[in-house]
Amino acid sequence: DALAVLADVAYVDMLEGDTECHVRFKTPEDAQIVMKSYKEIQIKNNWKFEVLTGDHEQRYWQKILVDRQAKLNQPREKKRGTEKVICK
């Protein structure tokens, strides 16, 4: 929410309990706006920022693909008919 005030956030990649996360913005310009406000946000929230570029950016996109594939490969319980309706 603190970053959404400054720029359009597309996605936040964070697991509960993690000390770091990745925030994707809708445009590179949005990321630059947040970086320009870095000092103000850092003082308020004690956060550190880094724009991923080059190899770090490539590794992050690779992580996204691996995470997505792992999610799609998870077995899921198939429900049919009234059982499916009752669960909703």
PDB file of N, CA and C in Angstrom:
ATOM      1  N   ASP A   1       0.813  -1.200   0.000  1.00  0.00           N
ATOM      2  CA  ASP A   1       0.000   0.000   0.000  1.00  0.00           C
ATOM      3  C   ASP A   1       0.857   1.264   0.000  1.00  0.00           C
ATOM      4  N   ALA A   2       1.984   1.196   0.697  1.00  0.00           N
ATOM      5  CA  ALA A   2       2.856   2.369   0.772  1.00  0.00           C
ATOM      6  C   ALA A   2       3.420   2.714  -0.604  1.00  0.00           C
ATOM      7  N   LEU A   3       3.705   1.691  -1.420  1.00  0.00           N
ATOM      8  CA  LEU A   3       4.253   1.946  -2.748  1.00  0.00           C
ATOM      9  C   LEU A   3       3.161   2.285  -3.756  1.00  0.00           C
ATOM     10  N   ALA A   4       1.966   1.742  -3.564  1.00  0.00           N
ATOM     11  CA  ALA A   4       0.865   1.989  -4.490  1.00  0.00           C
ATOM     12  C   ALA A   4       0.449   3.458  -4.506  1.00  0.00           C
ATOM     13  N   VAL A   5       0.750   4.182  -3.448  1.00  0.00           N
ATOM     14  CA  VAL A   5       0.448   5.612  -3.404  1.00  0.00           C
ATOM     15  C   VAL A   5       1.311   6.360  -4.422  1.00  0.00           C
ATOM     16  N   LEU A   6       2.523   5.868  -4.629  1.00  0.00           N
ATOM     17  CA  LEU A   6       3.467   6.544  -5.523  1.00  0.00           C
ATOM     18  C   LEU A   6       3.369   6.092  -6.972  1.00  0.00           C
ATOM     19  N   ALA A   7       3.133   4.787  -7.184  1.00  0.00           N
ATOM     20  CA  ALA A   7       3.179   4.237  -8.536  1.00  0.00           C
ATOM     21  C   ALA A   7       2.250   3.033  -8.640  1.00  0.00           C
ATOM     22  N   ASP A   8       1.961   2.626  -9.875  1.00  0.00           N
ATOM     23  CA  ASP A   8       1.087   1.475 -10.114  1.00  0.00           C
ATOM     24  C   ASP A   8       1.847   0.176  -9.891  1.00  0.00           C
ATOM     25  N   VAL A   9       1.478  -0.550  -8.840  1.00  0.00           N
ATOM     26  CA  VAL A   9       2.103  -1.832  -8.521  1.00  0.00           C
ATOM     27  C   VAL A   9       1.353  -2.920  -9.271  1.00  0.00           C
ATOM     28  N   ALA A  10       2.091  -3.749 -10.010  1.00  0.00           N
ATOM     29  CA  ALA A  10       1.472  -4.841 -10.756  1.00  0.00           C
ATOM     30  C   ALA A  10       1.400  -6.109  -9.922  1.00  0.00           C
ATOM     31  N   TYR A  11       2.443  -6.381  -9.142  1.00  0.00           N
ATOM     32  CA  TYR A  11       2.498  -7.651  -8.409  1.00  0.00           C
ATOM     33  C   TYR A  11       3.526  -7.564  -7.291  1.00  0.00           C
ATOM     34  N   VAL A  12       3.217  -8.190  -6.161  1.00  0.00           N
ATOM     35  CA  VAL A  12       4.164  -8.291  -5.055  1.00  0.00           C
ATOM     36  C   VAL A  12       4.434  -9.769  -4.830  1.00  0.00           C
ATOM     37  N   ASP A  13       5.695 -10.155  -4.917  1.00  0.00           N
ATOM     38  CA  ASP A  13       6.122 -11.549  -4.781  1.00  0.00           C
ATOM     39  C   ASP A  13       6.788 -11.698  -3.417  1.00  0.00           C
ATOM     40  N   MET A  14       6.011 -12.211  -2.431  1.00  0.00           N
ATOM     41  CA  MET A  14       6.538 -12.346  -1.075  1.00  0.00           C
ATOM     42  C   MET A  14       5.826 -13.487  -0.366  1.00  0.00           C
ATOM     43  N   LEU A  15       6.578 -14.261   0.361  1.00  0.00           N
ATOM     44  CA  LEU A  15       5.999 -15.308   1.188  1.00  0.00           C
ATOM     45  C   LEU A  15       5.933 -14.802   2.617  1.00  0.00           C
ATOM     46  N   GLU A  16       4.923 -15.261   3.357  1.00  0.00           N
ATOM     47  CA  GLU A  16       4.770 -14.820   4.736  1.00  0.00           C
ATOM     48  C   GLU A  16       6.003 -15.203   5.538  1.00  0.00           C
ATOM     49  N   GLY A  17       6.538 -14.250   6.276  1.00  0.00           N
ATOM     50  CA  GLY A  17       7.713 -14.487   7.089  1.00  0.00           C
ATOM     51  C   GLY A  17       9.021 -14.132   6.402  1.00  0.00           C
ATOM     52  N   ASP A  18       8.992 -13.878   5.095  1.00  0.00           N
ATOM     53  CA  ASP A  18      10.212 -13.497   4.377  1.00  0.00           C
ATOM     54  C   ASP A  18      10.645 -12.094   4.774  1.00  0.00           C
ATOM     55  N   THR A  19      11.947 -11.862   4.696  1.00  0.00           N
ATOM     56  CA  THR A  19      12.465 -10.538   5.009  1.00  0.00           C
ATOM     57  C   THR A  19      12.702  -9.718   3.748  1.00  0.00           C
ATOM     58  N   GLU A  20      12.538 -10.337   2.582  1.00  0.00           N
ATOM     59  CA  GLU A  20      12.670  -9.573   1.340  1.00  0.00           C
ATOM     60  C   GLU A  20      11.579  -9.991   0.380  1.00  0.00           C
ATOM     61  N   CYS A  21      11.271  -9.101  -0.548  1.00  0.00           N
ATOM     62  CA  CYS A  21      10.251  -9.403  -1.545  1.00  0.00           C
ATOM     63  C   CYS A  21      10.609  -8.709  -2.850  1.00  0.00           C
ATOM     64  N   HIS A  22       9.903  -9.087  -3.892  1.00  0.00           N
ATOM     65  CA  HIS A  22      10.062  -8.451  -5.193  1.00  0.00           C
ATOM     66  C   HIS A  22       8.752  -7.750  -5.519  1.00  0.00           C
ATOM     67  N   VAL A  23       8.863  -6.505  -5.966  1.00  0.00           N
ATOM     68  CA  VAL A  23       7.690  -5.735  -6.358  1.00  0.00           C
ATOM     69  C   VAL A  23       7.831  -5.419  -7.834  1.00  0.00           C
ATOM     70  N   ARG A  24       6.810  -5.791  -8.601  1.00  0.00           N
ATOM     71  CA  ARG A  24       6.809  -5.458 -10.022  1.00  0.00           C
ATOM     72  C   ARG A  24       5.851  -4.301 -10.240  1.00  0.00           C
ATOM     73  N   PHE A  25       6.301  -3.346 -11.004  1.00  0.00           N
ATOM     74  CA  PHE A  25       5.477  -2.195 -11.338  1.00  0.00           C
ATOM     75  C   PHE A  25       4.974  -2.336 -12.758  1.00  0.00           C
ATOM     76  N   LYS A  26       3.925  -1.587 -13.073  1.00  0.00           N
ATOM     77  CA  LYS A  26       3.328  -1.701 -14.406  1.00  0.00           C
ATOM     78  C   LYS A  26       4.269  -1.209 -15.501  1.00  0.00           C
ATOM     79  N   THR A  27       5.100  -0.218 -15.185  1.00  0.00           N
ATOM     80  CA  THR A  27       6.041   0.303 -16.184  1.00  0.00           C
ATOM     81  C   THR A  27       7.392   0.552 -15.519  1.00  0.00           C
ATOM     82  N   PRO A  28       8.459   0.581 -16.312  1.00  0.00           N
ATOM     83  CA  PRO A  28       9.772   0.927 -15.754  1.00  0.00           C
ATOM     84  C   PRO A  28       9.778   2.336 -15.152  1.00  0.00           C
ATOM     85  N   GLU A  29       8.961   3.215 -15.703  1.00  0.00           N
ATOM     86  CA  GLU A  29       8.891   4.576 -15.189  1.00  0.00           C
ATOM     87  C   GLU A  29       8.342   4.581 -13.759  1.00  0.00           C
ATOM     88  N   ASP A  30       7.383   3.678 -13.479  1.00  0.00           N
ATOM     89  CA  ASP A  30       6.845   3.585 -12.120  1.00  0.00           C
ATOM     90  C   ASP A  30       7.936   3.177 -11.133  1.00  0.00           C
ATOM     91  N   ALA A  31       8.792   2.260 -11.549  1.00  0.00           N
ATOM     92  CA  ALA A  31       9.902   1.840 -10.683  1.00  0.00           C
ATOM     93  C   ALA A  31      10.845   3.017 -10.423  1.00  0.00           C
ATOM     94  N   GLN A  32      11.071   3.829 -11.435  1.00  0.00           N
ATOM     95  CA  GLN A  32      11.953   4.989 -11.273  1.00  0.00           C
ATOM     96  C   GLN A  32      11.341   6.024 -10.327  1.00  0.00           C
ATOM     97  N   ILE A  33      10.015   6.186 -10.383  1.00  0.00           N
ATOM     98  CA  ILE A  33       9.342   7.120  -9.476  1.00  0.00           C
ATOM     99  C   ILE A  33       9.570   6.693  -8.032  1.00  0.00           C
ATOM    100  N   VAL A  34       9.445   5.389  -7.778  1.00  0.00           N
ATOM    101  CA  VAL A  34       9.650   4.878  -6.421  1.00  0.00           C
ATOM    102  C   VAL A  34      11.099   5.065  -6.003  1.00  0.00           C
ATOM    103  N   MET A  35      12.030   4.829  -6.913  1.00  0.00           N
ATOM    104  CA  MET A  35      13.444   4.996  -6.582  1.00  0.00           C
ATOM    105  C   MET A  35      13.764   6.453  -6.258  1.00  0.00           C
ATOM    106  N   LYS A  36      13.091   7.391  -6.904  1.00  0.00           N
ATOM    107  CA  LYS A  36      13.315   8.814  -6.615  1.00  0.00           C
ATOM    108  C   LYS A  36      12.806   9.175  -5.216  1.00  0.00           C
ATOM    109  N   SER A  37      11.791   8.461  -4.752  1.00  0.00           N
ATOM    110  CA  SER A  37      11.228   8.704  -3.417  1.00  0.00           C
ATOM    111  C   SER A  37      11.859   7.790  -2.378  1.00  0.00           C
ATOM    112  N   TYR A  38      12.963   7.167  -2.727  1.00  0.00           N
ATOM    113  CA  TYR A  38      13.611   6.147  -1.893  1.00  0.00           C
ATOM    114  C   TYR A  38      13.888   6.635  -0.478  1.00  0.00           C
ATOM    115  N   LYS A  39      14.483   7.808  -0.335  1.00  0.00           N
ATOM    116  CA  LYS A  39      14.875   8.315   0.995  1.00  0.00           C
ATOM    117  C   LYS A  39      13.672   8.446   1.916  1.00  0.00           C
ATOM    118  N   GLU A  40      12.614   9.036   1.397  1.00  0.00           N
ATOM    119  CA  GLU A  40      11.393   9.245   2.186  1.00  0.00           C
ATOM    120  C   GLU A  40      10.794   7.903   2.641  1.00  0.00           C
ATOM    121  N   ILE A  41      10.707   6.941   1.742  1.00  0.00           N
ATOM    122  CA  ILE A  41      10.134   5.625   2.060  1.00  0.00           C
ATOM    123  C   ILE A  41      11.058   4.866   3.005  1.00  0.00           C
ATOM    124  N   GLN A  42      12.346   4.966   2.794  1.00  0.00           N
ATOM    125  CA  GLN A  42      13.318   4.246   3.622  1.00  0.00           C
ATOM    126  C   GLN A  42      13.256   4.728   5.065  1.00  0.00           C
ATOM    127  N   ILE A  43      13.098   6.010   5.260  1.00  0.00           N
ATOM    128  CA  ILE A  43      13.005   6.568   6.616  1.00  0.00           C
ATOM    129  C   ILE A  43      11.715   6.095   7.293  1.00  0.00           C
ATOM    130  N   LYS A  44      10.594   6.112   6.559  1.00  0.00           N
ATOM    131  CA  LYS A  44       9.310   5.713   7.126  1.00  0.00           C
ATOM    132  C   LYS A  44       9.253   4.222   7.462  1.00  0.00           C
ATOM    133  N   ASN A  45       9.716   3.380   6.548  1.00  0.00           N
ATOM    134  CA  ASN A  45       9.503   1.933   6.667  1.00  0.00           C
ATOM    135  C   ASN A  45      10.759   1.112   6.902  1.00  0.00           C
ATOM    136  N   ASN A  46      11.921   1.740   6.820  1.00  0.00           N
ATOM    137  CA  ASN A  46      13.196   1.028   6.950  1.00  0.00           C
ATOM    138  C   ASN A  46      13.346  -0.053   5.881  1.00  0.00           C
ATOM    139  N   TRP A  47      12.949   0.275   4.666  1.00  0.00           N
ATOM    140  CA  TRP A  47      13.066  -0.645   3.532  1.00  0.00           C
ATOM    141  C   TRP A  47      14.272  -0.258   2.701  1.00  0.00           C
ATOM    142  N   LYS A  48      14.819  -1.238   2.004  1.00  0.00           N
ATOM    143  CA  LYS A  48      15.892  -0.989   1.045  1.00  0.00           C
ATOM    144  C   LYS A  48      15.390  -1.386  -0.338  1.00  0.00           C
ATOM    145  N   PHE A  49      15.784  -0.628  -1.346  1.00  0.00           N
ATOM    146  CA  PHE A  49      15.322  -0.869  -2.712  1.00  0.00           C
ATOM    147  C   PHE A  49      16.488  -1.126  -3.637  1.00  0.00           C
ATOM    148  N   GLU A  50      16.210  -1.915  -4.657  1.00  0.00           N
ATOM    149  CA  GLU A  50      17.185  -2.162  -5.721  1.00  0.00           C
ATOM    150  C   GLU A  50      16.404  -2.495  -6.984  1.00  0.00           C
ATOM    151  N   VAL A  51      16.736  -1.844  -8.072  1.00  0.00           N
ATOM    152  CA  VAL A  51      16.126  -2.168  -9.355  1.00  0.00           C
ATOM    153  C   VAL A  51      16.940  -3.300  -9.960  1.00  0.00           C
ATOM    154  N   LEU A  52      16.249  -4.413 -10.249  1.00  0.00           N
ATOM    155  CA  LEU A  52      16.956  -5.562 -10.827  1.00  0.00           C
ATOM    156  C   LEU A  52      17.253  -5.307 -12.295  1.00  0.00           C
ATOM    157  N   THR A  53      18.505  -5.522 -12.666  1.00  0.00           N
ATOM    158  CA  THR A  53      18.915  -5.373 -14.055  1.00  0.00           C
ATOM    159  C   THR A  53      19.849  -6.525 -14.405  1.00  0.00           C
ATOM    160  N   GLY A  54      20.031  -6.735 -15.666  1.00  0.00           N
ATOM    161  CA  GLY A  54      20.996  -7.721 -16.142  1.00  0.00           C
ATOM    162  C   GLY A  54      20.745  -9.119 -15.623  1.00  0.00           C
ATOM    163  N   ASP A  55      21.786  -9.726 -15.048  1.00  0.00           N
ATOM    164  CA  ASP A  55      21.737 -11.115 -14.596  1.00  0.00           C
ATOM    165  C   ASP A  55      20.727 -11.311 -13.461  1.00  0.00           C
ATOM    166  N   HIS A  56      20.655 -10.350 -12.540  1.00  0.00           N
ATOM    167  CA  HIS A  56      19.698 -10.459 -11.429  1.00  0.00           C
ATOM    168  C   HIS A  56      18.258 -10.470 -11.953  1.00  0.00           C
ATOM    169  N   GLU A  57      17.995  -9.637 -12.944  1.00  0.00           N
ATOM    170  CA  GLU A  57      16.655  -9.587 -13.523  1.00  0.00           C
ATOM    171  C   GLU A  57      16.328 -10.899 -14.239  1.00  0.00           C
ATOM    172  N   GLN A  58      17.290 -11.420 -14.979  1.00  0.00           N
ATOM    173  CA  GLN A  58      17.084 -12.693 -15.688  1.00  0.00           C
ATOM    174  C   GLN A  58      16.799 -13.824 -14.697  1.00  0.00           C
ATOM    175  N   ARG A  59      17.540 -13.861 -13.598  1.00  0.00           N
ATOM    176  CA  ARG A  59      17.319 -14.912 -12.589  1.00  0.00           C
ATOM    177  C   ARG A  59      15.936 -14.788 -11.957  1.00  0.00           C
ATOM    178  N   TYR A  60      15.484 -13.567 -11.738  1.00  0.00           N
ATOM    179  CA  TYR A  60      14.149 -13.381 -11.170  1.00  0.00           C
ATOM    180  C   TYR A  60      13.073 -13.878 -12.131  1.00  0.00           C
ATOM    181  N   TRP A  61      13.193 -13.543 -13.414  1.00  0.00           N
ATOM    182  CA  TRP A  61      12.201 -14.013 -14.391  1.00  0.00           C
ATOM    183  C   TRP A  61      12.234 -15.540 -14.498  1.00  0.00           C
ATOM    184  N   GLN A  62      13.417 -16.124 -14.355  1.00  0.00           N
ATOM    185  CA  GLN A  62      13.527 -17.586 -14.361  1.00  0.00           C
ATOM    186  C   GLN A  62      12.817 -18.165 -13.138  1.00  0.00           C
ATOM    187  N   LYS A  63      12.957 -17.522 -11.976  1.00  0.00           N
ATOM    188  CA  LYS A  63      12.274 -17.951 -10.754  1.00  0.00           C
ATOM    189  C   LYS A  63      10.765 -17.920 -10.957  1.00  0.00           C
ATOM    190  N   ILE A  64      10.257 -16.882 -11.602  1.00  0.00           N
ATOM    191  CA  ILE A  64       8.820 -16.778 -11.865  1.00  0.00           C
ATOM    192  C   ILE A  64       8.351 -17.977 -12.690  1.00  0.00           C
ATOM    193  N   LEU A  65       9.098 -18.310 -13.732  1.00  0.00           N
ATOM    194  CA  LEU A  65       8.715 -19.441 -14.580  1.00  0.00           C
ATOM    195  C   LEU A  65       8.731 -20.754 -13.804  1.00  0.00           C
ATOM    196  N   VAL A  66       9.747 -20.956 -12.967  1.00  0.00           N
ATOM    197  CA  VAL A  66       9.850 -22.181 -12.163  1.00  0.00           C
ATOM    198  C   VAL A  66       8.692 -22.247 -11.163  1.00  0.00           C
ATOM    199  N   ASP A  67       8.408 -21.136 -10.486  1.00  0.00           N
ATOM    200  CA  ASP A  67       7.305 -21.098  -9.518  1.00  0.00           C
ATOM    201  C   ASP A  67       5.966 -21.381 -10.197  1.00  0.00           C
ATOM    202  N   ARG A  68       5.762 -20.812 -11.362  1.00  0.00           N
ATOM    203  CA  ARG A  68       4.507 -21.015 -12.096  1.00  0.00           C
ATOM    204  C   ARG A  68       4.360 -22.473 -12.505  1.00  0.00           C
ATOM    205  N   GLN A  69       5.453 -23.064 -12.991  1.00  0.00           N
ATOM    206  CA  GLN A  69       5.416 -24.461 -13.406  1.00  0.00           C
ATOM    207  C   GLN A  69       5.156 -25.367 -12.204  1.00  0.00           C
ATOM    208  N   ALA A  70       5.767 -25.068 -11.069  1.00  0.00           N
ATOM    209  CA  ALA A  70       5.553 -25.869  -9.855  1.00  0.00           C
ATOM    210  C   ALA A  70       4.092 -25.794  -9.418  1.00  0.00           C
ATOM    211  N   LYS A  71       3.507 -24.628  -9.529  1.00  0.00           N
ATOM    212  CA  LYS A  71       2.100 -24.471  -9.148  1.00  0.00           C
ATOM    213  C   LYS A  71       1.196 -25.273 -10.077  1.00  0.00           C
ATOM    214  N   LEU A  72       1.479 -25.247 -11.362  1.00  0.00           N
ATOM    215  CA  LEU A  72       0.658 -25.981 -12.323  1.00  0.00           C
ATOM    216  C   LEU A  72       0.806 -27.492 -12.170  1.00  0.00           C
ATOM    217  N   ASN A  73       1.950 -27.945 -11.685  1.00  0.00           N
ATOM    218  CA  ASN A  73       2.197 -29.380 -11.544  1.00  0.00           C
ATOM    219  C   ASN A  73       1.693 -29.965 -10.224  1.00  0.00           C
ATOM    220  N   GLN A  74       1.203 -29.114  -9.323  1.00  0.00           N
ATOM    221  CA  GLN A  74       0.693 -29.609  -8.045  1.00  0.00           C
ATOM    222  C   GLN A  74      -0.572 -30.425  -8.290  1.00  0.00           C
ATOM    223  N   PRO A  75      -0.674 -31.567  -7.613  1.00  0.00           N
ATOM    224  CA  PRO A  75      -1.920 -32.335  -7.749  1.00  0.00           C
ATOM    225  C   PRO A  75      -3.061 -31.578  -7.073  1.00  0.00           C
ATOM    226  N   ARG A  76      -4.192 -31.593  -7.683  1.00  0.00           N
ATOM    227  CA  ARG A  76      -5.335 -30.919  -7.085  1.00  0.00           C
ATOM    228  C   ARG A  76      -6.511 -31.887  -7.010  1.00  0.00           C
ATOM    229  N   GLU A  77      -7.312 -31.660  -6.022  1.00  0.00           N
ATOM    230  CA  GLU A  77      -8.460 -32.521  -5.790  1.00  0.00           C
ATOM    231  C   GLU A  77      -9.570 -32.147  -6.772  1.00  0.00           C
ATOM    232  N   LYS A  78     -10.012 -33.117  -7.543  1.00  0.00           N
ATOM    233  CA  LYS A  78     -11.073 -32.844  -8.515  1.00  0.00           C
ATOM    234  C   LYS A  78     -12.417 -33.158  -7.895  1.00  0.00           C
ATOM    235  N   LYS A  79     -13.285 -32.193  -7.901  1.00  0.00           N
ATOM    236  CA  LYS A  79     -14.623 -32.361  -7.362  1.00  0.00           C
ATOM    237  C   LYS A  79     -15.619 -32.186  -8.495  1.00  0.00           C
ATOM    238  N   ARG A  80     -16.714 -32.923  -8.402  1.00  0.00           N
ATOM    239  CA  ARG A  80     -17.718 -32.869  -9.454  1.00  0.00           C
ATOM    240  C   ARG A  80     -19.105 -32.678  -8.861  1.00  0.00           C
ATOM    241  N   GLY A  81     -19.981 -32.139  -9.660  1.00  0.00           N
ATOM    242  CA  GLY A  81     -21.394 -32.054  -9.321  1.00  0.00           C
ATOM    243  C   GLY A  81     -21.698 -31.311  -8.039  1.00  0.00           C
ATOM    244  N   THR A  82     -22.563 -31.920  -7.227  1.00  0.00           N
ATOM    245  CA  THR A  82     -23.033 -31.254  -6.005  1.00  0.00           C
ATOM    246  C   THR A  82     -21.899 -31.053  -5.000  1.00  0.00           C
ATOM    247  N   GLU A  83     -20.920 -31.937  -5.003  1.00  0.00           N
ATOM    248  CA  GLU A  83     -19.775 -31.785  -4.087  1.00  0.00           C
ATOM    249  C   GLU A  83     -19.047 -30.476  -4.364  1.00  0.00           C
ATOM    250  N   LYS A  84     -18.909 -30.129  -5.640  1.00  0.00           N
ATOM    251  CA  LYS A  84     -18.237 -28.890  -6.032  1.00  0.00           C
ATOM    252  C   LYS A  84     -19.072 -27.675  -5.595  1.00  0.00           C
ATOM    253  N   VAL A  85     -20.360 -27.743  -5.778  1.00  0.00           N
ATOM    254  CA  VAL A  85     -21.252 -26.635  -5.424  1.00  0.00           C
ATOM    255  C   VAL A  85     -21.275 -26.423  -3.913  1.00  0.00           C
ATOM    256  N   ILE A  86     -21.274 -27.510  -3.142  1.00  0.00           N
ATOM    257  CA  ILE A  86     -21.309 -27.402  -1.692  1.00  0.00           C
ATOM    258  C   ILE A  86     -20.054 -26.710  -1.159  1.00  0.00           C
ATOM    259  N   CYS A  87     -18.915 -26.931  -1.787  1.00  0.00           N
ATOM    260  CA  CYS A  87     -17.652 -26.318  -1.338  1.00  0.00           C
ATOM    261  C   CYS A  87     -17.643 -24.807  -1.516  1.00  0.00           C
ATOM    262  N   LYS A  88     -18.417 -24.304  -2.452  1.00  0.00           N
ATOM    263  CA  LYS A  88     -18.440 -22.853  -2.695  1.00  0.00           C
ATOM    264  C   LYS A  88     -19.321 -22.250  -1.674  1.00  0.00           C
TER     265      LYS A  88
END
